[in-house]
C-alpha atoms as a PDB file:
ATOM      1  CA  MET A   1     141.875  75.504 -74.880  1.00  0.00           C
ATOM      2  CA  ARG A   2     140.452  78.626 -73.285  1.00  0.00           C
ATOM      3  CA  VAL A   3     140.966  81.818 -75.256  1.00  0.00           C
ATOM      4  CA  ILE A   4     141.973  84.838 -72.869  1.00  0.00           C
ATOM      5  CA  LYS A   5     141.014  88.432 -73.510  1.00  0.00           C
ATOM      6  CA  GLY A   6     143.398  89.926 -75.934  1.00  0.00           C
ATOM      7  CA  GLN A   7     144.905  86.689 -77.180  1.00  0.00           C
ATOM      8  CA  ALA A   8     145.241  86.394 -80.985  1.00  0.00           C
ATOM      9  CA  PRO A   9     144.419  83.175 -82.594  1.00  0.00           C
ATOM     10  CA  GLY A  10     146.965  80.462 -82.081  1.00  0.00           C
ATOM     11  CA  GLN A  11     148.787  82.554 -79.367  1.00  0.00           C
ATOM     12  CA  VAL A  12     150.040  80.857 -76.531  1.00  0.00           C
ATOM     13  CA  PHE A  13     150.599  82.632 -73.273  1.00  0.00           C
ATOM     14  CA  ASP A  14     153.202  81.456 -70.908  1.00  0.00           C
ATOM     15  CA  LEU A  15     151.468  81.591 -67.529  1.00  0.00           C
ATOM     16  CA  ARG A  16     154.618  80.674 -65.471  1.00  0.00           C
ATOM     17  CA  PRO A  17     155.724  83.175 -63.007  1.00  0.00           C
ATOM     18  CA  ARG A  18     158.392  85.702 -63.967  1.00  0.00           C
ATOM     19  CA  ASN A  19     160.305  86.138 -60.726  1.00  0.00           C
ATOM     20  CA  ALA A  20     160.741  85.000 -57.265  1.00  0.00           C
ATOM     21  CA  ASP A  21     157.702  86.971 -55.834  1.00  0.00           C
ATOM     22  CA  CYS A  22     155.438  85.241 -58.427  1.00  0.00           C
ATOM     23  CA  ASP A  23     156.799  81.753 -57.769  1.00  0.00           C
ATOM     24  CA  THR A  24     156.166  82.375 -53.872  1.00  0.00           C
ATOM     25  CA  ALA A  25     152.610  83.522 -54.800  1.00  0.00           C
ATOM     26  CA  PHE A  26     152.271  80.655 -57.206  1.00  0.00           C
ATOM     27  CA  ALA A  27     153.321  78.099 -54.558  1.00  0.00           C
ATOM     28  CA  THR A  28     151.070  79.701 -51.974  1.00  0.00           C
ATOM     29  CA  SER A  29     148.161  79.418 -53.953  1.00  0.00           C
ATOM     30  CA  LEU A  30     148.654  75.707 -55.003  1.00  0.00           C
ATOM     31  CA  LYS A  31     149.269  74.967 -51.261  1.00  0.00           C
ATOM     32  CA  SER A  32     146.030  76.708 -50.497  1.00  0.00           C
ATOM     33  CA  VAL A  33     144.152  74.502 -52.895  1.00  0.00           C
ATOM     34  CA  ASN A  34     145.716  71.301 -51.872  1.00  0.00           C
ATOM     35  CA  ASP A  35     144.857  72.314 -48.215  1.00  0.00           C
ATOM     36  CA  GLY A  36     141.213  73.170 -49.210  1.00  0.00           C
ATOM     37  CA  LEU A  37     140.884  69.647 -51.093  1.00  0.00           C
ATOM     38  CA  HIS A  38     141.995  67.735 -47.875  1.00  0.00           C
ATOM     39  CA  GLU A  39     139.649  69.810 -45.857  1.00  0.00           C
ATOM     40  CA  LYS A  40     136.480  69.487 -48.184  1.00  0.00           C
ATOM     41  CA  TRP A  41     137.162  65.515 -48.683  1.00  0.00           C
ATOM     42  CA  ARG A  42     137.187  64.802 -44.766  1.00  0.00           C
ATOM     43  CA  GLU A  43     133.632  66.174 -44.616  1.00  0.00           C
ATOM     44  CA  PRO A  44     131.177  63.725 -43.994  1.00  0.00           C
ATOM     45  CA  SER A  45     128.921  63.485 -46.924  1.00  0.00           C
ATOM     46  CA  THR A  46     128.474  61.392 -50.223  1.00  0.00           C
ATOM     47  CA  VAL A  47     131.443  61.000 -52.748  1.00  0.00           C
ATOM     48  CA  VAL A  48     129.338  62.661 -55.427  1.00  0.00           C
ATOM     49  CA  HIS A  49     129.016  65.810 -53.138  1.00  0.00           C
ATOM     50  CA  ASN A  50     132.665  65.661 -52.450  1.00  0.00           C
ATOM     51  CA  THR A  51     133.308  65.493 -56.072  1.00  0.00           C
ATOM     52  CA  THR A  52     131.149  68.466 -56.919  1.00  0.00           C
ATOM     53  CA  ARG A  53     133.092  70.489 -53.795  1.00  0.00           C
ATOM     54  CA  ILE A  54     136.351  69.676 -55.057  1.00  0.00           C
ATOM     55  CA  GLN A  55     135.458  70.684 -58.554  1.00  0.00           C
ATOM     56  CA  HIS A  56     134.178  74.201 -57.393  1.00  0.00           C
ATOM     57  CA  VAL A  57     137.425  74.560 -55.240  1.00  0.00           C
ATOM     58  CA  LEU A  58     139.738  73.809 -58.430  1.00  0.00           C
ATOM     59  CA  ARG A  59     137.505  75.966 -60.690  1.00  0.00           C
ATOM     60  CA  HIS A  60     137.955  78.883 -58.192  1.00  0.00           C
ATOM     61  CA  ALA A  61     141.739  78.436 -57.786  1.00  0.00           C
ATOM     62  CA  LEU A  62     142.565  78.102 -61.508  1.00  0.00           C
ATOM     63  CA  SER A  63     140.181  80.958 -62.130  1.00  0.00           C
ATOM     64  CA  THR A  64     142.062  82.972 -59.626  1.00  0.00           C
ATOM     65  CA  LEU A  65     145.545  81.497 -60.944  1.00  0.00           C
ATOM     66  CA  GLU A  66     144.483  82.546 -64.602  1.00  0.00           C
ATOM     67  CA  LEU A  67     143.707  86.131 -63.582  1.00  0.00           C
ATOM     68  CA  ARG A  68     147.022  86.774 -61.480  1.00  0.00           C
ATOM     69  CA  TYR A  69     149.629  85.251 -63.982  1.00  0.00           C
ATOM     70  CA  ARG A  70     147.982  85.670 -67.424  1.00  0.00           C
ATOM     71  CA  ASP A  71     150.202  88.882 -67.720  1.00  0.00           C
ATOM     72  CA  GLY A  72     153.034  87.084 -65.974  1.00  0.00           C
ATOM     73  CA  GLY A  73     152.246  88.764 -62.673  1.00  0.00           C
ATOM     74  CA  ALA A  74     152.636  92.255 -63.671  1.00  0.00           C
ATOM     75  CA  ALA A  75     149.557  93.369 -61.709  1.00  0.00           C
ATOM     76  CA  ASP A  76     150.677  91.782 -58.570  1.00  0.00           C
ATOM     77  CA  ASN A  77     154.128  93.579 -58.993  1.00  0.00           C
ATOM     78  CA  LYS A  78     152.573  97.245 -59.929  1.00  0.00           C
ATOM     79  CA  ALA A  79     150.764  96.475 -56.513  1.00  0.00           C
ATOM     80  CA  GLY A  80     153.954  95.887 -54.460  1.00  0.00           C
ATOM     81  CA  ASN A  81     152.852  92.200 -53.746  1.00  0.00           C
END
């Protein structure tokens, strides 16, 4: 388990969205990941190369989601998103 900056030992953050705007953003982010995976998998290359690209797409998506939801979407709400 990764420790998020400011996290106390043993503290667990609830990364679920807290309102409808966050729910929509979360669903959109997941759809983007899914679309990216399908697009990358169709490229004519080796399985190893595709696996590496999928891992890269997933790492980027998870990083983005972690930053967006570690504070319950408060940063997005302040920005009016």
